[in-house]
Amino acid sequence: MITLGIVVIVVAALCGAPLFAVLIAAAMLGFVSADIDPTIVPIELYRIVDTPMLVALPLFTISGYLLAEAKTSERLVNLAQAVVGGMPAGLAIVGFIVCAMFTALTGASGVTIVALGALLLPALTSQGYSERYSLGLVTTSGSLGLLLMPSVPLILYGIIAQQMDVGEPFTIVDLFVAGLLPLCIMLGLLIVWTLWHLRDANLPRVPFSAAKLRSALWAARWELPLPFVVLGGIYAGKFAVSEAAAVTAAYVLLAEVVLYREVKVSALPRVIKESMAMVGGILLILGVALAFTNFLVDAEIPQQLFEITQENIKNPLMFLLLLNVLLLLLGAILDVFSALVIMVPLLLPVAVGYGIDPVHLGIIFLANMQIGYFTPPIGMNLFIASYRFKKPLMELYAACWPFMLVMLLALGLITYIPWLSLVFVR
């Protein structure tokens, strides 16, 4: 009976059954096989409602959708270009910075490619950047920002890890702080490589103009205070993360609907529906995943996995290397939310057994997901960019690999130098 159930679940997964259905079936089958009442599964689904941090997910998500609906991307590009556009390869630097900020705000890599690609790609090629370099920049930069507050995947990792109560305790704010320096490392290496790669290119520079800077600042006047209010409130201890999410949603709604008037009141039901459909999917998967996690813990599967791993891998450094390989492969075939709910319950206890801090593991996990988004052959960003820019996948593979090598170097530093993630936390 149990064997037949496993076969049915595997076949359903291979045939494309929804992830939540596969997880809930696996959890119920596991509890039945252990003679535990399967009604514990709906109890777990209800328990997630009592998670205080959970309210931040829908509020940050709707904020991101509203910003994507408005002309925020244009204002960010204009402001960044006014500040650093006069530097060598200034427009490329603008691309890296703006993509990271926009991905963090919207919580979706694909949205960044679609929203900013239409602005950045023509601008880059018109200023003399090669089409291959421009395609690579836009495709790879679309995933930058997963480590920057208020990244929804970062919050989701925190919720899952805190439910497991393994390793040294931490808060969501700790994750936000921990992601700052690693993201700066990634951006810094990409910018340094770009300056070296384009050292002989005769690219035009946009002279710095105080008038253009004032104009860009004025255009973004209602959005500029947002990160300072939210981040400042969190880091100063004035807001909890859930309160910061509420302030963010209210402020973005006021700015885009009332002050800028770029999101019409009649469009709000559609935007809310789209954003909450995404949140609903995440919450359903998360609730089922927590039930599945309970089964794994009761069956002592993480402990068994740790014992097997420790028998074959004695060195924590080798474990981290294999962990990165696994996560890069997962990032190429799964979206970040599915990877989080499936793998964190398995990997976190094993990593803690090797002395890896849960905060450090979260940063490693999401840094891998950033790269996995454009890892050939099936990284999600590659397909989105191929569809958006009408380019063959092989051309995008060739455009992305230099950026991938640079980000792999950054990943190595983030992985093997825990100080980069923990210096402001522990």
Protein backbone atom coordinates (compact mmCIF):
# COMPACT_ATOMS: atom_id res chain seq x y z
CA MET A 1 0.00 0.00 0.00
CA ILE A 2 2.76 2.43 0.98
CA THR A 3 4.82 1.45 -2.08
CA LEU A 4 1.83 2.05 -4.34
CA GLY A 5 1.29 5.46 -2.72
CA ILE A 6 4.92 6.43 -3.35
CA VAL A 7 4.66 5.36 -6.99
CA VAL A 8 1.46 7.38 -7.47
CA ILE A 9 3.04 10.50 -5.91
CA VAL A 10 6.18 10.21 -8.06
CA VAL A 11 4.13 9.71 -11.24
CA ALA A 12 1.90 12.67 -10.34
CA ALA A 13 4.96 14.87 -9.77
CA LEU A 14 6.49 13.82 -13.11
CA CYS A 15 3.19 14.54 -14.85
CA GLY A 16 3.21 18.11 -13.54
CA ALA A 17 0.94 17.92 -10.49
CA PRO A 18 1.00 21.13 -8.40
CA LEU A 19 3.77 21.25 -5.83
CA PHE A 20 1.38 21.68 -2.89
CA ALA A 21 -0.55 18.54 -3.95
CA VAL A 22 2.66 16.49 -4.12
CA LEU A 23 3.84 17.73 -0.73
CA ILE A 24 0.51 17.20 1.04
CA ALA A 25 0.21 13.71 -0.43
CA ALA A 26 3.74 12.86 0.73
CA ALA A 27 3.05 14.25 4.21
CA MET A 28 -0.22 12.33 4.62
CA LEU A 29 1.33 9.13 3.30
CA GLY A 30 4.21 9.52 5.73
CA PHE A 31 1.93 10.07 8.71
CA VAL A 32 -0.28 7.11 7.75
CA SER A 33 2.76 4.85 7.40
CA ALA A 34 3.85 5.93 10.91
CA ASP A 35 0.37 5.27 12.36
CA ILE A 36 -0.15 8.99 13.05
CA ASP A 37 -3.57 10.54 12.47
CA PRO A 38 -3.34 12.46 9.12
CA THR A 39 -5.58 15.20 10.53
CA ILE A 40 -2.32 16.72 11.77
CA VAL A 41 -1.87 18.08 8.22
CA PRO A 42 -4.80 20.56 8.36
CA ILE A 43 -3.68 21.45 11.88
CA GLU A 44 -0.31 22.46 10.44
CA LEU A 45 -2.05 24.45 7.72
CA TYR A 46 -3.92 26.35 10.41
CA ARG A 47 -0.81 26.81 12.57
CA ILE A 48 0.87 28.89 9.89
CA VAL A 49 -1.88 31.51 10.30
CA ASP A 50 -0.54 32.15 13.80
CA THR A 51 2.92 33.12 12.50
CA PRO A 52 3.37 36.86 13.24
CA MET A 53 5.86 37.34 10.40
CA LEU A 54 3.44 36.00 7.84
CA VAL A 55 1.58 39.29 7.47
CA ALA A 56 4.71 40.85 5.93
CA LEU A 57 4.51 38.61 2.84
CA PRO A 58 1.24 39.89 1.30
CA LEU A 59 1.97 43.51 2.26
CA PHE A 60 5.46 43.59 0.71
CA THR A 61 4.15 41.68 -2.32
CA ILE A 62 1.34 44.12 -3.08
CA SER A 63 3.81 46.99 -2.64
CA GLY A 64 6.03 45.42 -5.28
CA TYR A 65 3.17 44.93 -7.70
CA LEU A 66 2.09 48.57 -7.31
CA LEU A 67 5.65 49.79 -7.95
CA ALA A 68 5.90 47.58 -11.04
CA GLU A 69 2.56 48.93 -12.29
CA ALA A 70 3.75 52.53 -12.01
CA LYS A 71 6.74 54.19 -13.72
CA THR A 72 9.07 53.52 -10.80
CA SER A 73 11.55 51.69 -13.04
CA GLU A 74 11.95 54.74 -15.29
CA ARG A 75 12.53 57.06 -12.35
CA LEU A 76 15.09 54.69 -10.80
CA VAL A 77 17.02 54.49 -14.07
CA ASN A 78 17.00 58.26 -14.56
CA LEU A 79 18.12 58.91 -10.99
CA ALA A 80 20.92 56.33 -11.07
CA GLN A 81 22.13 57.65 -14.42
CA ALA A 82 22.16 61.20 -13.09
CA VAL A 83 24.35 60.05 -10.18
CA VAL A 84 26.82 57.60 -11.78
CA GLY A 85 26.17 58.00 -15.51
CA GLY A 86 29.31 60.11 -15.95
CA MET A 87 31.61 57.30 -14.79
CA PRO A 88 33.32 54.93 -17.26
CA ALA A 89 30.69 52.38 -18.32
CA GLY A 90 28.26 54.43 -16.26
CA LEU A 91 25.10 53.09 -17.89
CA ALA A 92 26.16 49.51 -17.16
CA ILE A 93 26.72 50.41 -13.51
CA VAL A 94 23.27 52.00 -13.53
CA GLY A 95 21.85 48.72 -14.82
CA PHE A 96 23.36 46.63 -12.04
CA ILE A 97 22.24 48.97 -9.27
CA VAL A 98 18.71 49.59 -10.55
CA CYS A 99 18.04 45.91 -11.29
CA ALA A 100 19.10 44.95 -7.76
CA MET A 101 16.85 47.59 -6.21
CA PHE A 102 13.88 46.78 -8.42
CA THR A 103 14.11 43.02 -7.81
CA ALA A 104 14.26 43.61 -4.06
CA LEU A 105 11.19 45.85 -4.20
CA THR A 106 9.09 43.66 -6.50
CA GLY A 107 10.33 40.30 -5.22
CA ALA A 108 10.36 38.82 -8.73
CA SER A 109 13.27 38.40 -11.11
CA GLY A 110 11.08 38.07 -14.19
CA VAL A 111 9.32 41.35 -13.46
CA THR A 112 12.68 43.13 -13.47
CA ILE A 113 13.61 41.73 -16.89
CA VAL A 114 10.25 42.65 -18.37
CA ALA A 115 9.97 46.10 -16.76
CA LEU A 116 13.58 47.27 -16.98
CA GLY A 117 14.66 45.34 -20.06
CA ALA A 118 12.61 47.57 -22.33
CA LEU A 119 14.48 50.59 -20.90
CA LEU A 120 18.00 49.28 -20.42
CA LEU A 121 18.59 47.12 -23.49
CA PRO A 122 17.90 49.83 -26.12
CA ALA A 123 19.76 52.41 -24.01
CA LEU A 124 22.85 50.20 -23.70
CA THR A 125 23.01 49.29 -27.40
CA SER A 126 22.41 52.90 -28.49
CA GLN A 127 25.41 54.03 -26.41
CA GLY A 128 27.77 51.56 -28.06
CA TYR A 129 27.60 48.55 -25.75
CA SER A 130 27.62 45.28 -27.71
CA GLU A 131 24.33 43.47 -27.96
CA ARG A 132 25.83 40.35 -26.35
CA TYR A 133 27.08 42.29 -23.33
CA SER A 134 23.78 44.16 -23.02
CA LEU A 135 21.72 40.96 -23.16
CA GLY A 136 23.97 39.34 -20.57
CA LEU A 137 23.71 42.31 -18.21
CA VAL A 138 19.93 42.54 -18.34
CA THR A 139 19.36 38.77 -18.08
CA THR A 140 21.74 38.16 -15.18
CA SER A 141 21.01 41.36 -13.26
CA GLY A 142 17.33 40.46 -13.19
CA SER A 143 17.98 38.19 -10.21
CA LEU A 144 20.15 40.59 -8.23
CA GLY A 145 18.35 41.86 -5.16
CA LEU A 146 17.14 38.61 -3.59
CA LEU A 147 19.50 39.42 -0.70
CA LEU A 148 18.22 42.97 -0.25
CA MET A 149 15.36 43.98 2.02
CA PRO A 150 12.38 43.62 1.57
CA SER A 151 13.06 40.51 -0.54
CA VAL A 152 10.11 38.11 -0.17
CA PRO A 153 12.31 34.97 -0.58
CA LEU A 154 14.52 36.22 2.27
CA ILE A 155 11.46 36.58 4.51
CA LEU A 156 10.21 33.15 3.46
CA TYR A 157 13.53 31.52 4.35
CA GLY A 158 13.37 33.16 7.76
CA ILE A 159 9.84 31.90 8.43
CA ILE A 160 10.70 28.31 7.47
CA ALA A 161 13.98 28.27 9.43
CA GLN A 162 12.39 29.81 12.53
CA GLN A 163 9.62 27.18 12.51
CA MET A 164 12.29 24.47 12.65
CA ASP A 165 14.05 26.05 15.67
CA VAL A 166 17.46 24.61 14.71
CA GLY A 167 20.78 26.30 15.42
CA GLU A 168 21.36 29.75 16.83
CA PRO A 169 18.19 31.92 16.95
CA PHE A 170 17.86 34.87 14.58
CA THR A 171 15.31 37.41 13.38
CA ILE A 172 14.19 38.45 9.91
CA VAL A 173 16.01 41.75 10.49
CA ASP A 174 19.21 39.74 11.00
CA LEU A 175 18.71 38.29 7.51
CA PHE A 176 18.17 41.75 6.04
CA VAL A 177 21.39 42.98 7.65
CA ALA A 178 23.32 39.86 6.68
CA GLY A 179 22.45 40.25 2.99
CA LEU A 180 23.83 43.78 2.61
CA LEU A 181 27.57 43.06 2.41
CA PRO A 182 27.26 39.91 0.22
CA LEU A 183 25.10 41.85 -2.25
CA CYS A 184 27.70 44.64 -2.28
CA ILE A 185 30.38 42.01 -3.01
CA MET A 186 28.38 40.72 -5.99
CA LEU A 187 27.69 44.20 -7.34
CA GLY A 188 31.28 45.29 -6.74
CA LEU A 189 32.79 42.35 -8.62
CA LEU A 190 30.36 42.78 -11.52
CA ILE A 191 31.24 46.48 -11.77
CA VAL A 192 35.00 45.85 -11.52
CA TRP A 193 34.81 43.16 -14.21
CA THR A 194 32.72 45.46 -16.43
CA LEU A 195 35.26 48.30 -16.12
CA TRP A 196 38.06 45.87 -17.06
CA HIS A 197 36.07 44.21 -19.85
CA LEU A 198 35.12 47.55 -21.44
CA ARG A 199 38.48 49.26 -20.77
CA ASP A 200 39.23 49.68 -24.48
CA ALA A 201 35.67 50.41 -25.59
CA ASN A 202 35.06 53.92 -26.80
CA LEU A 203 31.84 54.48 -24.89
CA PRO A 204 30.27 57.92 -24.57
CA ARG A 205 30.08 59.43 -21.12
CA VAL A 206 27.19 61.51 -19.90
CA PRO A 207 28.70 64.57 -18.17
CA PHE A 208 27.45 65.09 -14.67
CA SER A 209 24.71 67.70 -14.58
CA ALA A 210 23.41 69.20 -11.36
CA ALA A 211 20.25 70.22 -13.21
CA LYS A 212 19.60 66.62 -14.35
CA LEU A 213 20.25 65.35 -10.84
CA ARG A 214 17.81 67.84 -9.37
CA SER A 215 15.23 66.91 -11.99
CA ALA A 216 15.66 63.17 -11.31
CA LEU A 217 15.46 63.72 -7.55
CA TRP A 218 12.32 65.79 -7.95
CA ALA A 219 10.73 63.16 -10.20
CA ALA A 220 11.41 60.45 -7.60
CA ARG A 221 10.59 62.66 -4.63
CA TRP A 222 7.71 60.50 -3.39
CA GLU A 223 9.56 57.17 -3.73
CA LEU A 224 12.97 58.17 -2.41
CA PRO A 225 11.90 58.41 1.27
CA LEU A 226 10.51 54.86 1.21
CA PRO A 227 13.72 52.84 1.83
CA PHE A 228 14.94 55.33 4.43
CA VAL A 229 11.67 55.29 6.35
CA VAL A 230 11.29 51.52 6.25
CA LEU A 231 14.92 50.49 6.71
CA GLY A 232 15.54 53.23 9.23
CA GLY A 233 12.44 52.24 11.18
CA ILE A 234 13.43 48.57 11.27
CA TYR A 235 17.10 49.05 12.12
CA ALA A 236 16.33 51.72 14.72
CA GLY A 237 13.88 49.36 16.39
CA LYS A 238 10.85 51.58 15.71
CA PHE A 239 9.09 49.02 13.49
CA ALA A 240 8.76 45.28 13.58
CA VAL A 241 9.10 43.78 10.09
CA SER A 242 5.34 43.23 9.88
CA GLU A 243 4.73 46.87 10.86
CA ALA A 244 7.30 47.99 8.29
CA ALA A 245 5.43 45.98 5.66
CA ALA A 246 2.18 47.75 6.56
CA VAL A 247 3.87 51.17 6.41
CA THR A 248 5.42 50.25 3.05
CA ALA A 249 2.11 49.15 1.55
CA ALA A 250 0.28 52.24 2.79
CA TYR A 251 3.03 54.59 1.60
CA VAL A 252 3.32 52.98 -1.85
CA LEU A 253 -0.46 53.07 -2.27
CA LEU A 254 -0.50 56.77 -1.37
CA ALA A 255 2.46 57.60 -3.62
CA GLU A 256 1.42 55.72 -6.76
CA VAL A 257 -2.36 56.21 -6.61
CA VAL A 258 -2.76 59.67 -5.05
CA LEU A 259 0.50 61.57 -5.52
CA TYR A 260 1.82 60.27 -8.84
CA ARG A 261 -1.61 59.15 -10.08
CA GLU A 262 0.02 56.48 -12.26
CA VAL A 263 -2.02 53.60 -10.85
CA LYS A 264 -5.70 54.28 -11.37
CA VAL A 265 -8.16 53.41 -8.63
CA SER A 266 -10.00 51.25 -11.17
CA ALA A 267 -6.80 49.20 -11.65
CA LEU A 268 -6.39 48.41 -7.94
CA PRO A 269 -8.72 45.36 -7.91
CA ARG A 270 -6.71 43.79 -10.74
CA VAL A 271 -3.33 44.53 -9.09
CA ILE A 272 -4.55 43.22 -5.73
CA LYS A 273 -5.96 40.09 -7.37
CA GLU A 274 -2.69 39.36 -9.20
CA SER A 275 -0.52 39.95 -6.14
CA MET A 276 -2.74 37.96 -3.79
CA ALA A 277 -2.88 35.05 -6.25
CA MET A 278 0.89 34.85 -5.94
CA VAL A 279 0.75 35.17 -2.14
CA GLY A 280 -1.97 32.53 -1.92
CA GLY A 281 0.16 30.09 -3.85
CA ILE A 282 3.15 30.75 -1.59
CA LEU A 283 1.11 30.36 1.60
CA LEU A 284 -0.53 27.14 0.46
CA ILE A 285 2.83 25.62 -0.45
CA LEU A 286 4.36 26.91 2.79
CA GLY A 287 1.60 25.49 4.99
CA VAL A 288 1.78 22.08 3.34
CA ALA A 289 5.58 22.17 3.46
CA LEU A 290 5.51 22.76 7.23
CA ALA A 291 3.30 19.69 7.62
CA PHE A 292 5.76 17.73 5.50
CA THR A 293 8.62 19.11 7.62
CA ASN A 294 6.91 17.82 10.76
CA PHE A 295 6.79 14.37 9.21
CA LEU A 296 10.49 14.56 8.32
CA VAL A 297 11.37 15.61 11.87
CA ASP A 298 9.20 12.88 13.44
CA ALA A 299 10.78 10.29 11.15
CA GLU A 300 14.25 11.66 12.03
CA ILE A 301 15.09 11.95 8.34
CA PRO A 302 17.25 15.11 8.73
CA GLN A 303 19.26 13.35 11.46
CA GLN A 304 19.71 10.29 9.26
CA LEU A 305 20.71 12.48 6.33
CA PHE A 306 23.26 14.24 8.54
CA GLU A 307 24.72 10.93 9.72
CA ILE A 308 25.02 9.63 6.15
CA THR A 309 26.56 12.90 5.01
CA GLN A 310 29.01 12.99 7.91
CA GLU A 311 30.13 9.43 7.23
CA ASN A 312 31.12 10.38 3.68
CA ILE A 313 32.03 14.07 4.06
CA LYS A 314 34.22 14.91 7.02
CA ASN A 315 35.26 18.40 5.98
CA PRO A 316 32.72 21.26 6.33
CA LEU A 317 34.40 23.03 3.39
CA MET A 318 33.70 20.06 1.12
CA PHE A 319 30.11 20.00 2.38
CA LEU A 320 29.73 23.67 1.42
CA LEU A 321 31.13 22.96 -2.05
CA LEU A 322 28.65 20.13 -2.63
CA LEU A 323 25.88 22.28 -1.17
CA ASN A 324 26.58 25.00 -3.73
CA VAL A 325 26.55 22.49 -6.60
CA LEU A 326 23.21 21.10 -5.40
CA LEU A 327 21.64 24.52 -4.94
CA LEU A 328 22.83 25.76 -8.35
CA LEU A 329 21.20 22.74 -9.98
CA LEU A 330 18.00 23.28 -8.00
CA GLY A 331 17.99 26.99 -8.83
CA ALA A 332 18.10 26.11 -12.52
CA ILE A 333 15.07 23.78 -12.39
CA LEU A 334 12.91 25.19 -9.56
CA ASP A 335 11.61 28.63 -8.73
CA VAL A 336 13.04 30.10 -5.53
CA PHE A 337 9.87 29.56 -3.47
CA SER A 338 9.63 25.85 -4.32
CA ALA A 339 13.35 25.36 -3.64
CA LEU A 340 13.01 27.04 -0.23
CA VAL A 341 10.05 25.00 1.03
CA ILE A 342 11.46 21.70 -0.24
CA MET A 343 15.14 21.99 0.65
CA VAL A 344 15.45 24.19 3.75
CA PRO A 345 13.86 21.59 6.08
CA LEU A 346 16.33 18.99 4.81
CA LEU A 347 19.48 21.09 4.56
CA LEU A 348 19.24 23.33 7.64
CA PRO A 349 19.73 20.59 10.29
CA VAL A 350 22.58 19.07 8.27
CA ALA A 351 24.29 22.45 7.82
CA VAL A 352 23.93 23.28 11.52
CA GLY A 353 25.54 19.91 12.29
CA TYR A 354 28.59 21.10 10.35
CA GLY A 355 28.69 24.31 12.39
CA ILE A 356 27.15 26.55 9.73
CA ASP A 357 25.11 29.46 11.10
CA PRO A 358 21.43 29.46 9.92
CA VAL A 359 21.80 33.11 8.84
CA HIS A 360 24.89 32.27 6.77
CA LEU A 361 23.06 29.31 5.21
CA GLY A 362 20.18 31.60 4.20
CA ILE A 363 22.54 33.98 2.42
CA ILE A 364 24.32 31.07 0.68
CA PHE A 365 20.95 29.61 -0.35
CA LEU A 366 19.65 32.80 -1.94
CA ALA A 367 23.00 33.70 -3.52
CA ASN A 368 22.83 30.33 -5.29
CA MET A 369 19.24 30.98 -6.35
CA GLN A 370 20.31 34.29 -7.90
CA ILE A 371 22.79 32.44 -10.11
CA GLY A 372 20.48 29.48 -10.72
CA TYR A 373 17.97 31.80 -12.38
CA PHE A 374 20.28 32.10 -15.40
CA THR A 375 22.14 28.76 -15.20
CA PRO A 376 21.89 26.84 -18.51
CA PRO A 377 20.10 24.98 -19.81
CA ILE A 378 16.78 25.83 -18.10
CA GLY A 379 17.33 28.83 -15.83
CA MET A 380 14.06 30.77 -15.64
CA ASN A 381 15.58 34.14 -16.58
CA LEU A 382 16.96 32.70 -19.81
CA PHE A 383 13.49 31.79 -21.03
CA ILE A 384 11.94 35.07 -19.87
CA ALA A 385 14.69 37.07 -21.63
CA SER A 386 14.42 34.91 -24.75
CA TYR A 387 10.68 35.61 -24.94
CA ARG A 388 11.01 39.30 -24.02
CA PHE A 389 13.83 40.16 -26.42
CA LYS A 390 13.02 37.61 -29.17
CA LYS A 391 16.48 36.04 -28.97
CA PRO A 392 17.45 32.35 -29.25
CA LEU A 393 18.49 30.60 -26.05
CA MET A 394 21.97 29.75 -27.35
CA GLU A 395 22.66 33.45 -27.86
CA LEU A 396 21.63 34.14 -24.27
CA TYR A 397 23.82 31.28 -22.98
CA ALA A 398 26.81 32.87 -24.68
CA ALA A 399 25.89 36.32 -23.34
CA CYS A 400 25.46 35.19 -19.72
CA TRP A 401 28.44 32.93 -19.04
CA PRO A 402 31.00 35.72 -18.28
CA PHE A 403 28.60 37.27 -15.76
CA MET A 404 28.00 33.82 -14.29
CA LEU A 405 31.72 33.28 -13.72
CA VAL A 406 31.98 36.60 -11.87
CA MET A 407 28.99 35.78 -9.68
CA LEU A 408 30.38 32.31 -8.98
CA LEU A 409 33.53 34.00 -7.70
CA ALA A 410 31.35 36.18 -5.44
CA LEU A 411 29.47 33.06 -4.32
CA GLY A 412 32.75 31.43 -3.33
CA LEU A 413 33.67 34.43 -1.19
CA ILE A 414 30.22 34.51 0.42
CA THR A 415 30.31 30.77 1.11
CA TYR A 416 33.80 30.43 2.54
CA ILE A 417 34.03 33.73 4.39
CA PRO A 418 31.10 33.65 6.86
CA TRP A 419 32.27 36.99 8.27
CA LEU A 420 30.79 38.71 5.19
CA SER A 421 27.31 37.57 6.23
CA LEU A 422 27.65 37.61 10.00
CA VAL A 423 29.82 40.64 10.79
CA PHE A 424 26.80 42.87 11.53
CA VAL A 425 24.66 40.08 13.02
CA ARG A 426 26.56 37.94 15.50
